[in-house]
Amino acid sequence: MRMITRAVFAVSIAIATGTALAATPATGLGQSWPNASDVSTSPNFHVYVFALGGVKYIQVNDLNGNVLGSVGTAGGQFITLPIGRYAQQVATPSQPAAVTTDATPAAAPATVYNDGTTAVTATPMTDGTMALSAAAANQPCNDPVDCSMKGVTGQSNAISATTPATVYNNRATAMTAAPMSGGTMTPAATSQPCDDPVDCSMKGVTGQSNAASAAAPATVYNNRSTAVTAAPMTGGTMTPAAASQPCDDPVDCSMKGITGQ
């Protein structure tokens, strides 16, 4: 099995493109203070990158120059190198850590290297050692439509660049569009309360209005049998109401065809 793994890794090395690594030093791997740029993303570590034969080698040192561990990567494949104090505690998708212990993380993993393709983290352990992990870098997905087309799921890390703008509102549904920091646009739809019974009926919308009376109801009709009032509402609409009135005049009630007390 190891022979097959090494063979696959060798093929990956052979087909890997070395153009992007042309300016990366090929010597100095394993040194405390190599003649290479420190590309660490953490102020608590030093990280150096070397390249040879299409393979990228990533070395992690502590602040005192002690080599902690190193990995090689090409074509999406990884290999752990036998250098560094914690070489046996380096894990990759291709190789688990060579040694397992009962120690647990003493703190959250710190990202010490990320070039957009490969990411390396360092995790201090309760036994005083350091666990290193290398894997393909996870790229944030900022465009929900593009992510959906690519089959990528997850939360976007883009944030709203401006206040959402209302682009549609028919009194039942409102739609807004928010420009995002990644240059995308996030739409949103929300249900709106229906404040105008007539308009809602025409649109086929049913439901309770959340508008409140803006003034006392005014009586607009009263024939001693039925009274109609109109109440101005906070949403700018008018709510009519009808109520039965008692008949107090037997003669007038008789003329109107109304019977009863």
C-alpha atoms as a PDB file:
ATOM      1  CA  MET A   1       0.000   0.000   0.000  1.00  0.00           C
ATOM      2  CA  ARG A   2       2.871   2.346   0.871  1.00  0.00           C
ATOM      3  CA  MET A   3       4.463   1.555  -2.501  1.00  0.00           C
ATOM      4  CA  ILE A   4       1.243   2.611  -4.252  1.00  0.00           C
ATOM      5  CA  THR A   5       0.989   5.804  -2.174  1.00  0.00           C
ATOM      6  CA  ARG A   6       4.567   6.747  -2.977  1.00  0.00           C
ATOM      7  CA  ALA A   7       3.988   5.978  -6.645  1.00  0.00           C
ATOM      8  CA  VAL A   8       0.902   8.214  -6.763  1.00  0.00           C
ATOM      9  CA  PHE A   9       2.795  10.982  -5.037  1.00  0.00           C
ATOM     10  CA  ALA A  10       5.678  10.596  -7.495  1.00  0.00           C
ATOM     11  CA  VAL A  11       3.276  10.912 -10.429  1.00  0.00           C
ATOM     12  CA  SER A  12       1.788  14.048  -8.870  1.00  0.00           C
ATOM     13  CA  ILE A  13       5.269  15.506  -8.576  1.00  0.00           C
ATOM     14  CA  ALA A  14       5.990  14.722 -12.211  1.00  0.00           C
ATOM     15  CA  ILE A  15       2.884  16.489 -13.521  1.00  0.00           C
ATOM     16  CA  ALA A  16       2.940  19.444 -11.106  1.00  0.00           C
ATOM     17  CA  THR A  17       3.704  22.818 -12.613  1.00  0.00           C
ATOM     18  CA  GLY A  18       6.778  24.500 -11.221  1.00  0.00           C
ATOM     19  CA  THR A  19       6.292  27.963 -12.743  1.00  0.00           C
ATOM     20  CA  ALA A  20       4.680  29.498  -9.644  1.00  0.00           C
ATOM     21  CA  LEU A  21       7.524  28.143  -7.504  1.00  0.00           C
ATOM     22  CA  ALA A  22      10.333  29.534  -9.601  1.00  0.00           C
ATOM     23  CA  ALA A  23      11.170  32.321  -7.125  1.00  0.00           C
ATOM     24  CA  THR A  24      10.968  30.039  -4.062  1.00  0.00           C
ATOM     25  CA  PRO A  25      14.342  28.894  -2.644  1.00  0.00           C
ATOM     26  CA  ALA A  26      15.302  25.255  -3.187  1.00  0.00           C
ATOM     27  CA  THR A  27      17.717  24.974  -0.280  1.00  0.00           C
ATOM     28  CA  GLY A  28      17.592  25.604   3.459  1.00  0.00           C
ATOM     29  CA  LEU A  29      14.967  23.040   4.467  1.00  0.00           C
ATOM     30  CA  GLY A  30      15.489  21.900   8.056  1.00  0.00           C
ATOM     31  CA  GLN A  31      17.490  24.940   9.120  1.00  0.00           C
ATOM     32  CA  SER A  32      16.607  27.122  12.114  1.00  0.00           C
ATOM     33  CA  TRP A  33      17.118  30.379  10.250  1.00  0.00           C
ATOM     34  CA  PRO A  34      17.066  29.598   6.519  1.00  0.00           C
ATOM     35  CA  ASN A  35      17.723  32.188   3.841  1.00  0.00           C
ATOM     36  CA  ALA A  36      14.038  32.371   2.939  1.00  0.00           C
ATOM     37  CA  SER A  37      11.137  34.709   3.548  1.00  0.00           C
ATOM     38  CA  ASP A  38       9.090  34.198   6.690  1.00  0.00           C
ATOM     39  CA  VAL A  39       5.530  33.739   5.398  1.00  0.00           C
ATOM     40  CA  SER A  40       3.849  32.890   8.704  1.00  0.00           C
ATOM     41  CA  THR A  41       0.346  34.215   9.240  1.00  0.00           C
ATOM     42  CA  SER A  42       0.860  33.997  13.014  1.00  0.00           C
ATOM     43  CA  PRO A  43       3.217  36.188  15.073  1.00  0.00           C
ATOM     44  CA  ASN A  44       3.995  33.161  17.255  1.00  0.00           C
ATOM     45  CA  PHE A  45       5.625  31.047  14.543  1.00  0.00           C
ATOM     46  CA  HIS A  46       8.038  31.247  11.631  1.00  0.00           C
ATOM     47  CA  VAL A  47       7.075  29.525   8.374  1.00  0.00           C
ATOM     48  CA  TYR A  48       9.353  29.027   5.398  1.00  0.00           C
ATOM     49  CA  VAL A  49       8.560  27.620   1.961  1.00  0.00           C
ATOM     50  CA  PHE A  50      10.945  25.803  -0.367  1.00  0.00           C
ATOM     51  CA  ALA A  51      10.414  24.284  -3.803  1.00  0.00           C
ATOM     52  CA  LEU A  52      12.247  21.615  -5.745  1.00  0.00           C
ATOM     53  CA  GLY A  53      11.116  19.412  -8.628  1.00  0.00           C
ATOM     54  CA  GLY A  54       7.577  20.780  -8.578  1.00  0.00           C
ATOM     55  CA  VAL A  55       7.095  19.985  -4.883  1.00  0.00           C
ATOM     56  CA  LYS A  56       6.421  22.708  -2.308  1.00  0.00           C
ATOM     57  CA  TYR A  57       7.901  22.127   1.136  1.00  0.00           C
ATOM     58  CA  ILE A  58       6.432  24.046   4.082  1.00  0.00           C
ATOM     59  CA  GLN A  59       8.463  24.226   7.290  1.00  0.00           C
ATOM     60  CA  VAL A  60       7.173  25.483  10.638  1.00  0.00           C
ATOM     61  CA  ASN A  61       9.552  26.837  13.312  1.00  0.00           C
ATOM     62  CA  ASP A  62       8.872  28.264  16.731  1.00  0.00           C
ATOM     63  CA  LEU A  63       9.988  31.772  17.698  1.00  0.00           C
ATOM     64  CA  ASN A  64      13.361  30.435  18.877  1.00  0.00           C
ATOM     65  CA  GLY A  65      14.128  28.872  15.521  1.00  0.00           C
ATOM     66  CA  ASN A  66      13.392  25.304  16.564  1.00  0.00           C
ATOM     67  CA  VAL A  67      12.050  23.281  13.645  1.00  0.00           C
ATOM     68  CA  LEU A  68       8.664  21.839  14.621  1.00  0.00           C
ATOM     69  CA  GLY A  69       7.708  19.968  11.477  1.00  0.00           C
ATOM     70  CA  SER A  70       7.445  20.082   7.702  1.00  0.00           C
ATOM     71  CA  VAL A  71       5.273  18.787   4.877  1.00  0.00           C
ATOM     72  CA  GLY A  72       5.644  18.474   1.139  1.00  0.00           C
ATOM     73  CA  THR A  73       2.741  19.004  -1.241  1.00  0.00           C
ATOM     74  CA  ALA A  74       2.125  18.734  -4.975  1.00  0.00           C
ATOM     75  CA  GLY A  75      -0.959  18.128  -7.081  1.00  0.00           C
ATOM     76  CA  GLY A  76      -3.200  18.001  -4.021  1.00  0.00           C
ATOM     77  CA  GLN A  77      -1.118  15.239  -2.403  1.00  0.00           C
ATOM     78  CA  PHE A  78       0.781  15.581   0.893  1.00  0.00           C
ATOM     79  CA  ILE A  79       3.735  13.897   2.513  1.00  0.00           C
ATOM     80  CA  THR A  80       5.116  14.367   6.027  1.00  0.00           C
ATOM     81  CA  LEU A  81       8.856  14.966   6.193  1.00  0.00           C
ATOM     82  CA  PRO A  82      10.963  13.347   8.957  1.00  0.00           C
ATOM     83  CA  ILE A  83      12.322  16.610  10.323  1.00  0.00           C
ATOM     84  CA  GLY A  84      11.381  18.725  13.312  1.00  0.00           C
ATOM     85  CA  ARG A  85      10.671  18.162  16.987  1.00  0.00           C
ATOM     86  CA  TYR A  86       7.081  17.112  16.350  1.00  0.00           C
ATOM     87  CA  ALA A  87       7.429  15.355  13.007  1.00  0.00           C
ATOM     88  CA  GLN A  88       5.475  12.401  14.408  1.00  0.00           C
ATOM     89  CA  GLN A  89       2.570  14.698  15.287  1.00  0.00           C
ATOM     90  CA  VAL A  90       2.095  16.108  11.795  1.00  0.00           C
ATOM     91  CA  ALA A  91      -1.174  15.113  10.136  1.00  0.00           C
ATOM     92  CA  THR A  92      -2.242  15.497   6.499  1.00  0.00           C
ATOM     93  CA  PRO A  93      -5.117  14.124   4.377  1.00  0.00           C
ATOM     94  CA  SER A  94      -2.614  11.612   2.993  1.00  0.00           C
ATOM     95  CA  GLN A  95      -1.008  10.606   6.283  1.00  0.00           C
ATOM     96  CA  PRO A  96      -2.332  10.664   9.843  1.00  0.00           C
ATOM     97  CA  ALA A  97      -0.006  11.555  12.696  1.00  0.00           C
ATOM     98  CA  ALA A  98       2.549   8.772  13.237  1.00  0.00           C
ATOM     99  CA  VAL A  99       2.028   8.854  16.999  1.00  0.00           C
ATOM    100  CA  THR A 100      -1.210   9.209  18.946  1.00  0.00           C
ATOM    101  CA  THR A 101      -1.281  10.353  22.557  1.00  0.00           C
ATOM    102  CA  ASP A 102      -3.833  11.012  25.268  1.00  0.00           C
ATOM    103  CA  ALA A 103      -3.040  14.732  25.138  1.00  0.00           C
ATOM    104  CA  THR A 104      -5.845  17.102  24.203  1.00  0.00           C
ATOM    105  CA  PRO A 105      -5.691  20.575  22.623  1.00  0.00           C
ATOM    106  CA  ALA A 106      -4.702  23.223  25.147  1.00  0.00           C
ATOM    107  CA  ALA A 107      -5.907  26.015  22.845  1.00  0.00           C
ATOM    108  CA  ALA A 108      -7.669  26.506  19.538  1.00  0.00           C
ATOM    109  CA  PRO A 109      -5.663  25.701  16.388  1.00  0.00           C
ATOM    110  CA  ALA A 110      -3.752  28.673  14.979  1.00  0.00           C
ATOM    111  CA  THR A 111      -3.417  29.068  11.222  1.00  0.00           C
ATOM    112  CA  VAL A 112       0.279  29.571  10.594  1.00  0.00           C
ATOM    113  CA  TYR A 113       0.232  29.345   6.790  1.00  0.00           C
ATOM    114  CA  ASN A 114      -2.342  29.781   4.049  1.00  0.00           C
ATOM    115  CA  ASP A 115      -1.485  30.492   0.423  1.00  0.00           C
ATOM    116  CA  GLY A 116      -5.035  29.957  -0.832  1.00  0.00           C
ATOM    117  CA  THR A 117      -4.209  26.397  -1.857  1.00  0.00           C
ATOM    118  CA  THR A 118      -2.627  24.889   1.230  1.00  0.00           C
ATOM    119  CA  ALA A 119      -3.245  25.731   4.883  1.00  0.00           C
ATOM    120  CA  VAL A 120      -1.211  24.680   7.921  1.00  0.00           C
ATOM    121  CA  THR A 121      -2.374  24.935  11.528  1.00  0.00           C
ATOM    122  CA  ALA A 122      -0.533  24.498  14.824  1.00  0.00           C
ATOM    123  CA  THR A 123      -2.301  23.304  17.964  1.00  0.00           C
ATOM    124  CA  PRO A 124      -0.629  23.386  21.393  1.00  0.00           C
ATOM    125  CA  MET A 125      -1.361  20.210  23.340  1.00  0.00           C
ATOM    126  CA  THR A 126      -1.825  19.659  27.065  1.00  0.00           C
ATOM    127  CA  ASP A 127       1.388  17.605  27.254  1.00  0.00           C
ATOM    128  CA  GLY A 128       3.452  20.552  26.020  1.00  0.00           C
ATOM    129  CA  THR A 129       3.860  19.302  22.453  1.00  0.00           C
ATOM    130  CA  MET A 130       2.600  20.880  19.235  1.00  0.00           C
ATOM    131  CA  ALA A 131       0.339  19.159  16.728  1.00  0.00           C
ATOM    132  CA  LEU A 132       0.649  20.336  13.121  1.00  0.00           C
ATOM    133  CA  SER A 133      -1.940  19.792  10.421  1.00  0.00           C
ATOM    134  CA  ALA A 134      -1.704  20.503   6.689  1.00  0.00           C
ATOM    135  CA  ALA A 135      -4.584  20.309   4.221  1.00  0.00           C
ATOM    136  CA  ALA A 136      -6.099  21.960   1.179  1.00  0.00           C
ATOM    137  CA  ALA A 137      -7.209  25.485   2.044  1.00  0.00           C
ATOM    138  CA  ASN A 138     -10.943  26.069   2.285  1.00  0.00           C
ATOM    139  CA  GLN A 139     -11.941  28.993   0.119  1.00  0.00           C
ATOM    140  CA  PRO A 140     -14.920  31.104   1.279  1.00  0.00           C
ATOM    141  CA  CYS A 141     -17.876  31.208  -1.079  1.00  0.00           C
ATOM    142  CA  ASN A 142     -19.137  34.791  -1.466  1.00  0.00           C
ATOM    143  CA  ASP A 143     -21.654  34.359  -4.296  1.00  0.00           C
ATOM    144  CA  PRO A 144     -24.650  32.151  -3.348  1.00  0.00           C
ATOM    145  CA  VAL A 145     -25.665  31.689  -7.000  1.00  0.00           C
ATOM    146  CA  ASP A 146     -22.162  30.723  -8.132  1.00  0.00           C
ATOM    147  CA  CYS A 147     -21.730  28.434  -5.118  1.00  0.00           C
ATOM    148  CA  SER A 148     -25.015  26.720  -5.900  1.00  0.00           C
ATOM    149  CA  MET A 149     -23.915  26.110  -9.489  1.00  0.00           C
ATOM    150  CA  LYS A 150     -20.664  24.616  -8.219  1.00  0.00           C
ATOM    151  CA  GLY A 151     -22.432  22.523  -5.597  1.00  0.00           C
ATOM    152  CA  VAL A 152     -20.767  24.416  -2.765  1.00  0.00           C
ATOM    153  CA  THR A 153     -22.769  24.836   0.406  1.00  0.00           C
ATOM    154  CA  GLY A 154     -22.071  26.913   3.470  1.00  0.00           C
ATOM    155  CA  GLN A 155     -22.326  30.394   4.856  1.00  0.00           C
ATOM    156  CA  SER A 156     -20.979  33.304   2.831  1.00  0.00           C
ATOM    157  CA  ASN A 157     -18.455  35.499   4.637  1.00  0.00           C
ATOM    158  CA  ALA A 158     -19.418  38.563   2.629  1.00  0.00           C
ATOM    159  CA  ILE A 159     -21.032  41.385   4.566  1.00  0.00           C
ATOM    160  CA  SER A 160     -23.508  44.005   3.500  1.00  0.00           C
ATOM    161  CA  ALA A 161     -21.759  46.903   1.756  1.00  0.00           C
ATOM    162  CA  THR A 162     -24.734  49.285   1.968  1.00  0.00           C
ATOM    163  CA  THR A 163     -28.224  49.366   3.432  1.00  0.00           C
ATOM    164  CA  PRO A 164     -30.612  46.953   1.636  1.00  0.00           C
ATOM    165  CA  ALA A 165     -32.833  48.688  -0.932  1.00  0.00           C
ATOM    166  CA  THR A 166     -36.525  47.815  -1.326  1.00  0.00           C
ATOM    167  CA  VAL A 167     -37.013  46.827  -4.958  1.00  0.00           C
ATOM    168  CA  TYR A 168     -40.624  45.541  -4.760  1.00  0.00           C
ATOM    169  CA  ASN A 169     -43.569  45.875  -2.377  1.00  0.00           C
ATOM    170  CA  ASN A 170     -47.188  44.965  -3.188  1.00  0.00           C
ATOM    171  CA  ARG A 171     -48.340  45.410   0.428  1.00  0.00           C
ATOM    172  CA  ALA A 172     -48.241  41.635   0.861  1.00  0.00           C
ATOM    173  CA  THR A 173     -44.604  40.862   0.008  1.00  0.00           C
ATOM    174  CA  ALA A 174     -41.547  43.084   0.037  1.00  0.00           C
ATOM    175  CA  MET A 175     -38.244  42.293  -1.678  1.00  0.00           C
ATOM    176  CA  THR A 176     -34.928  43.921  -0.878  1.00  0.00           C
ATOM    177  CA  ALA A 177     -31.515  43.729  -2.528  1.00  0.00           C
ATOM    178  CA  ALA A 178     -28.331  44.242  -0.506  1.00  0.00           C
ATOM    179  CA  PRO A 179     -24.984  44.875  -2.256  1.00  0.00           C
ATOM    180  CA  MET A 180     -22.348  42.661  -0.552  1.00  0.00           C
ATOM    181  CA  SER A 181     -18.660  43.231   0.124  1.00  0.00           C
ATOM    182  CA  GLY A 182     -17.741  40.487  -2.358  1.00  0.00           C
ATOM    183  CA  GLY A 183     -19.410  42.409  -5.196  1.00  0.00           C
ATOM    184  CA  THR A 184     -22.490  40.195  -5.160  1.00  0.00           C
ATOM    185  CA  MET A 185     -26.136  41.031  -4.465  1.00  0.00           C
ATOM    186  CA  THR A 186     -28.227  39.272  -1.824  1.00  0.00           C
ATOM    187  CA  PRO A 187     -32.014  39.347  -2.340  1.00  0.00           C
ATOM    188  CA  ALA A 188     -34.477  38.827   0.483  1.00  0.00           C
ATOM    189  CA  ALA A 189     -38.261  38.531   0.593  1.00  0.00           C
ATOM    190  CA  THR A 190     -40.476  39.146   3.607  1.00  0.00           C
ATOM    191  CA  SER A 191     -44.208  39.027   4.213  1.00  0.00           C
ATOM    192  CA  GLN A 192     -45.859  42.362   4.812  1.00  0.00           C
ATOM    193  CA  PRO A 193     -48.986  42.958   6.931  1.00  0.00           C
ATOM    194  CA  CYS A 194     -52.086  43.863   4.957  1.00  0.00           C
ATOM    195  CA  ASP A 195     -53.410  47.267   6.065  1.00  0.00           C
ATOM    196  CA  ASP A 196     -56.060  47.860   3.406  1.00  0.00           C
ATOM    197  CA  PRO A 197     -58.858  45.213   3.383  1.00  0.00           C
ATOM    198  CA  VAL A 198     -60.094  46.278  -0.074  1.00  0.00           C
ATOM    199  CA  ASP A 199     -56.640  46.251  -1.667  1.00  0.00           C
ATOM    200  CA  CYS A 200     -55.784  42.959   0.052  1.00  0.00           C
ATOM    201  CA  SER A 201     -59.010  41.401  -1.212  1.00  0.00           C
ATOM    202  CA  MET A 202     -58.194  42.452  -4.781  1.00  0.00           C
ATOM    203  CA  LYS A 203     -54.749  40.863  -4.431  1.00  0.00           C
ATOM    204  CA  GLY A 204     -56.148  37.737  -2.810  1.00  0.00           C
ATOM    205  CA  VAL A 205     -54.289  38.466   0.416  1.00  0.00           C
ATOM    206  CA  THR A 206     -55.906  37.554   3.690  1.00  0.00           C
ATOM    207  CA  GLY A 207     -54.789  38.229   7.219  1.00  0.00           C
ATOM    208  CA  GLN A 208     -55.003  40.590  10.137  1.00  0.00           C
ATOM    209  CA  SER A 209     -53.920  44.189   9.720  1.00  0.00           C
ATOM    210  CA  ASN A 210     -51.373  45.506  12.190  1.00  0.00           C
ATOM    211  CA  ALA A 211     -52.301  49.127  11.532  1.00  0.00           C
ATOM    212  CA  ALA A 212     -53.738  51.122  14.438  1.00  0.00           C
ATOM    213  CA  SER A 213     -56.317  53.885  14.441  1.00  0.00           C
ATOM    214  CA  ALA A 214     -54.779  57.263  13.716  1.00  0.00           C
ATOM    215  CA  ALA A 215     -57.884  59.129  14.918  1.00  0.00           C
ATOM    216  CA  ALA A 216     -61.297  58.484  16.430  1.00  0.00           C
ATOM    217  CA  PRO A 217     -63.789  56.815  14.020  1.00  0.00           C
ATOM    218  CA  ALA A 218     -66.122  59.278  12.271  1.00  0.00           C
ATOM    219  CA  THR A 219     -69.793  58.406  11.640  1.00  0.00           C
ATOM    220  CA  VAL A 220     -70.405  58.768   7.919  1.00  0.00           C
ATOM    221  CA  TYR A 221     -73.918  57.225   7.723  1.00  0.00           C
ATOM    222  CA  ASN A 222     -76.752  56.474  10.159  1.00  0.00           C
ATOM    223  CA  ASN A 223     -80.349  55.658   9.214  1.00  0.00           C
ATOM    224  CA  ARG A 224     -81.279  54.759  12.803  1.00  0.00           C
ATOM    225  CA  SER A 225     -81.042  51.128  11.775  1.00  0.00           C
ATOM    226  CA  THR A 226     -77.450  50.901  10.593  1.00  0.00           C
ATOM    227  CA  ALA A 227     -74.506  53.153  11.336  1.00  0.00           C
ATOM    228  CA  VAL A 228     -71.290  53.250   9.290  1.00  0.00           C
ATOM    229  CA  THR A 229     -68.058  54.699  10.626  1.00  0.00           C
ATOM    230  CA  ALA A 230     -64.674  55.308   8.975  1.00  0.00           C
ATOM    231  CA  ALA A 231     -61.447  55.207  10.995  1.00  0.00           C
ATOM    232  CA  PRO A 232     -58.174  56.652   9.572  1.00  0.00           C
ATOM    233  CA  MET A 233     -55.375  54.094  10.131  1.00  0.00           C
ATOM    234  CA  THR A 234     -51.635  54.516  10.742  1.00  0.00           C
ATOM    235  CA  GLY A 235     -50.850  52.901   7.397  1.00  0.00           C
ATOM    236  CA  GLY A 236     -52.667  55.697   5.573  1.00  0.00           C
ATOM    237  CA  THR A 237     -55.728  53.553   4.894  1.00  0.00           C
ATOM    238  CA  MET A 238     -59.350  53.896   6.031  1.00  0.00           C
ATOM    239  CA  THR A 239     -61.231  51.152   7.872  1.00  0.00           C
ATOM    240  CA  PRO A 240     -65.042  51.200   7.562  1.00  0.00           C
ATOM    241  CA  ALA A 241     -67.321  49.582  10.117  1.00  0.00           C
ATOM    242  CA  ALA A 242     -71.047  48.945  10.213  1.00  0.00           C
ATOM    243  CA  ALA A 243     -73.223  48.311  13.249  1.00  0.00           C
ATOM    244  CA  SER A 244     -76.922  47.781  13.887  1.00  0.00           C
ATOM    245  CA  GLN A 245     -78.725  50.583  15.698  1.00  0.00           C
ATOM    246  CA  PRO A 246     -81.765  50.126  17.944  1.00  0.00           C
ATOM    247  CA  CYS A 247     -85.020  51.531  16.602  1.00  0.00           C
ATOM    248  CA  ASP A 248     -86.508  54.046  19.097  1.00  0.00           C
ATOM    249  CA  ASP A 249     -89.323  55.592  16.967  1.00  0.00           C
ATOM    250  CA  PRO A 250     -92.164  53.118  16.086  1.00  0.00           C
ATOM    251  CA  VAL A 251     -93.520  55.394  13.331  1.00  0.00           C
ATOM    252  CA  ASP A 252     -90.138  55.935  11.676  1.00  0.00           C
ATOM    253  CA  CYS A 253     -89.255  52.240  12.046  1.00  0.00           C
ATOM    254  CA  SER A 254     -92.612  51.302  10.428  1.00  0.00           C
ATOM    255  CA  MET A 255     -91.927  53.630   7.453  1.00  0.00           C
ATOM    256  CA  LYS A 256     -88.532  51.975   7.014  1.00  0.00           C
ATOM    257  CA  GLY A 257     -90.018  48.489   7.273  1.00  0.00           C
ATOM    258  CA  ILE A 258     -88.197  47.851  10.539  1.00  0.00           C
ATOM    259  CA  THR A 259     -89.996  45.834  13.174  1.00  0.00           C
ATOM    260  CA  GLY A 260     -88.991  45.190  16.744  1.00  0.00           C
ATOM    261  CA  GLN A 261     -88.411  47.040  20.034  1.00  0.00           C
END
